[in-house]
Amino acid sequence: MFHAAKALLYSQRFSEKSHYCLGVALHALFVETGKLSIEFLEAFNNAMLLRESADYKTHFSQSGAKLVVEKAEEFLLKAQEILKEDL
């Protein structure tokens, strides 16, 4: 999801300095304009939190990972759709 989100930002000639800024930019450039549903931003933010928890707190779950993978697949498809529209 991270790289797909970066591609969306780059398509608008923006770049980010952090994961947090990437989420803020996704909201401003894609959710507020109606190109991306808020559910995709929530999935992105949830994936970021789960990754941070697994990396820094050594807390992770198989069910959490499964949900992130499912949402990531949906996010990637939507990002591809948006990028094709911008061509």
C-alpha atoms as a PDB file:
ATOM      1  CA  MET A   1       0.000   0.000   0.000  1.00  0.00           C
ATOM      2  CA  PHE A   2       2.838   2.355   0.823  1.00  0.00           C
ATOM      3  CA  HIS A   3       4.316   2.301  -2.667  1.00  0.00           C
ATOM      4  CA  ALA A   4       0.923   2.522  -4.356  1.00  0.00           C
ATOM      5  CA  ALA A   5       0.135   5.550  -2.196  1.00  0.00           C
ATOM      6  CA  LYS A   6       3.476   7.110  -3.136  1.00  0.00           C
ATOM      7  CA  ALA A   7       2.682   6.533  -6.820  1.00  0.00           C
ATOM      8  CA  LEU A   8      -0.626   8.341  -6.367  1.00  0.00           C
ATOM      9  CA  LEU A   9       1.158  11.303  -4.795  1.00  0.00           C
ATOM     10  CA  TYR A  10       3.821  11.360  -7.487  1.00  0.00           C
ATOM     11  CA  SER A  11       1.079  11.410 -10.122  1.00  0.00           C
ATOM     12  CA  GLN A  12       0.025  14.746  -8.631  1.00  0.00           C
ATOM     13  CA  ARG A  13       3.652  15.960  -8.524  1.00  0.00           C
ATOM     14  CA  PHE A  14       3.915  15.684  -4.745  1.00  0.00           C
ATOM     15  CA  SER A  15       6.183  13.684  -2.481  1.00  0.00           C
ATOM     16  CA  GLU A  16       6.092  12.992   1.235  1.00  0.00           C
ATOM     17  CA  LYS A  17       8.526  13.112   4.124  1.00  0.00           C
ATOM     18  CA  SER A  18       6.910  10.424   6.309  1.00  0.00           C
ATOM     19  CA  HIS A  19       4.205   7.765   6.447  1.00  0.00           C
ATOM     20  CA  TYR A  20       2.024  10.215   8.377  1.00  0.00           C
ATOM     21  CA  CYS A  21       2.447  12.911   5.711  1.00  0.00           C
ATOM     22  CA  LEU A  22       1.608  10.369   3.038  1.00  0.00           C
ATOM     23  CA  GLY A  23      -1.723   9.684   4.754  1.00  0.00           C
ATOM     24  CA  VAL A  24      -2.468  13.398   5.105  1.00  0.00           C
ATOM     25  CA  ALA A  25      -1.675  13.971   1.433  1.00  0.00           C
ATOM     26  CA  LEU A  26      -3.830  11.016   0.353  1.00  0.00           C
ATOM     27  CA  HIS A  27      -6.708  12.534   2.267  1.00  0.00           C
ATOM     28  CA  ALA A  28      -6.276  16.007   0.786  1.00  0.00           C
ATOM     29  CA  LEU A  29      -5.562  15.000  -2.797  1.00  0.00           C
ATOM     30  CA  PHE A  30      -7.724  11.923  -3.236  1.00  0.00           C
ATOM     31  CA  VAL A  31     -10.338  11.489  -0.493  1.00  0.00           C
ATOM     32  CA  GLU A  32     -11.461  15.116  -0.400  1.00  0.00           C
ATOM     33  CA  THR A  33     -11.691  15.185  -4.202  1.00  0.00           C
ATOM     34  CA  GLY A  34     -13.794  12.011  -4.284  1.00  0.00           C
ATOM     35  CA  LYS A  35     -11.227   9.939  -6.153  1.00  0.00           C
ATOM     36  CA  LEU A  36     -10.593   7.633  -3.194  1.00  0.00           C
ATOM     37  CA  SER A  37     -13.033   6.364  -0.591  1.00  0.00           C
ATOM     38  CA  ILE A  38     -12.272   7.131   3.046  1.00  0.00           C
ATOM     39  CA  GLU A  39     -12.268   3.366   3.647  1.00  0.00           C
ATOM     40  CA  PHE A  40      -9.040   3.095   1.636  1.00  0.00           C
ATOM     41  CA  LEU A  41      -7.394   5.788   3.726  1.00  0.00           C
ATOM     42  CA  GLU A  42      -8.536   4.016   6.892  1.00  0.00           C
ATOM     43  CA  ALA A  43      -7.080   0.747   5.570  1.00  0.00           C
ATOM     44  CA  PHE A  44      -3.792   2.519   4.778  1.00  0.00           C
ATOM     45  CA  ASN A  45      -3.635   4.025   8.271  1.00  0.00           C
ATOM     46  CA  ASN A  46      -4.538   0.691   9.891  1.00  0.00           C
ATOM     47  CA  ALA A  47      -1.812  -1.087   7.932  1.00  0.00           C
ATOM     48  CA  MET A  48       0.686   1.541   9.076  1.00  0.00           C
ATOM     49  CA  LEU A  49      -0.312   1.073  12.720  1.00  0.00           C
ATOM     50  CA  LEU A  50      -0.143  -2.721  12.495  1.00  0.00           C
ATOM     51  CA  ARG A  51       3.283  -2.544  10.833  1.00  0.00           C
ATOM     52  CA  GLU A  52       4.595  -0.194  13.511  1.00  0.00           C
ATOM     53  CA  SER A  53       3.217  -2.438  16.229  1.00  0.00           C
ATOM     54  CA  ALA A  54       4.851  -5.507  14.698  1.00  0.00           C
ATOM     55  CA  ASP A  55       8.166  -3.720  14.095  1.00  0.00           C
ATOM     56  CA  TYR A  56       8.563  -1.843  17.355  1.00  0.00           C
ATOM     57  CA  LYS A  57       6.346  -3.556  19.917  1.00  0.00           C
ATOM     58  CA  THR A  58       6.708  -7.118  18.635  1.00  0.00           C
ATOM     59  CA  HIS A  59       2.935  -7.448  18.713  1.00  0.00           C
ATOM     60  CA  PHE A  60       1.283  -8.933  15.645  1.00  0.00           C
ATOM     61  CA  SER A  61      -1.478 -11.322  14.699  1.00  0.00           C
ATOM     62  CA  GLN A  62      -2.246 -13.575  11.806  1.00  0.00           C
ATOM     63  CA  SER A  63      -5.781 -12.168  11.548  1.00  0.00           C
ATOM     64  CA  GLY A  64      -4.441  -8.610  11.418  1.00  0.00           C
ATOM     65  CA  ALA A  65      -1.975  -9.550   8.705  1.00  0.00           C
ATOM     66  CA  LYS A  66      -4.681 -11.309   6.702  1.00  0.00           C
ATOM     67  CA  LEU A  67      -6.946  -8.261   6.862  1.00  0.00           C
ATOM     68  CA  VAL A  68      -4.121  -5.949   5.764  1.00  0.00           C
ATOM     69  CA  VAL A  69      -3.321  -8.189   2.778  1.00  0.00           C
ATOM     70  CA  GLU A  70      -6.984  -8.214   1.701  1.00  0.00           C
ATOM     71  CA  LYS A  71      -7.266  -4.434   1.989  1.00  0.00           C
ATOM     72  CA  ALA A  72      -3.913  -3.948   0.278  1.00  0.00           C
ATOM     73  CA  GLU A  73      -5.123  -5.901  -2.748  1.00  0.00           C
ATOM     74  CA  GLU A  74      -8.207  -3.668  -2.972  1.00  0.00           C
ATOM     75  CA  PHE A  75      -6.093  -0.535  -2.473  1.00  0.00           C
ATOM     76  CA  LEU A  76      -3.696  -1.543  -5.236  1.00  0.00           C
ATOM     77  CA  LEU A  77      -6.539  -2.116  -7.689  1.00  0.00           C
ATOM     78  CA  LYS A  78      -8.059   1.278  -6.853  1.00  0.00           C
ATOM     79  CA  ALA A  79      -4.686   3.024  -7.143  1.00  0.00           C
ATOM     80  CA  GLN A  80      -4.160   1.448 -10.576  1.00  0.00           C
ATOM     81  CA  GLU A  81      -7.596   2.638 -11.647  1.00  0.00           C
ATOM     82  CA  ILE A  82      -6.869   6.206 -10.523  1.00  0.00           C
ATOM     83  CA  LEU A  83      -3.458   6.236 -12.184  1.00  0.00           C
ATOM     84  CA  LYS A  84      -4.930   5.007 -15.485  1.00  0.00           C
ATOM     85  CA  GLU A  85      -7.544   7.790 -15.354  1.00  0.00           C
ATOM     86  CA  ASP A  86      -4.782  10.385 -14.949  1.00  0.00           C
ATOM     87  CA  LEU A  87      -2.929   9.229 -18.081  1.00  0.00           C
END
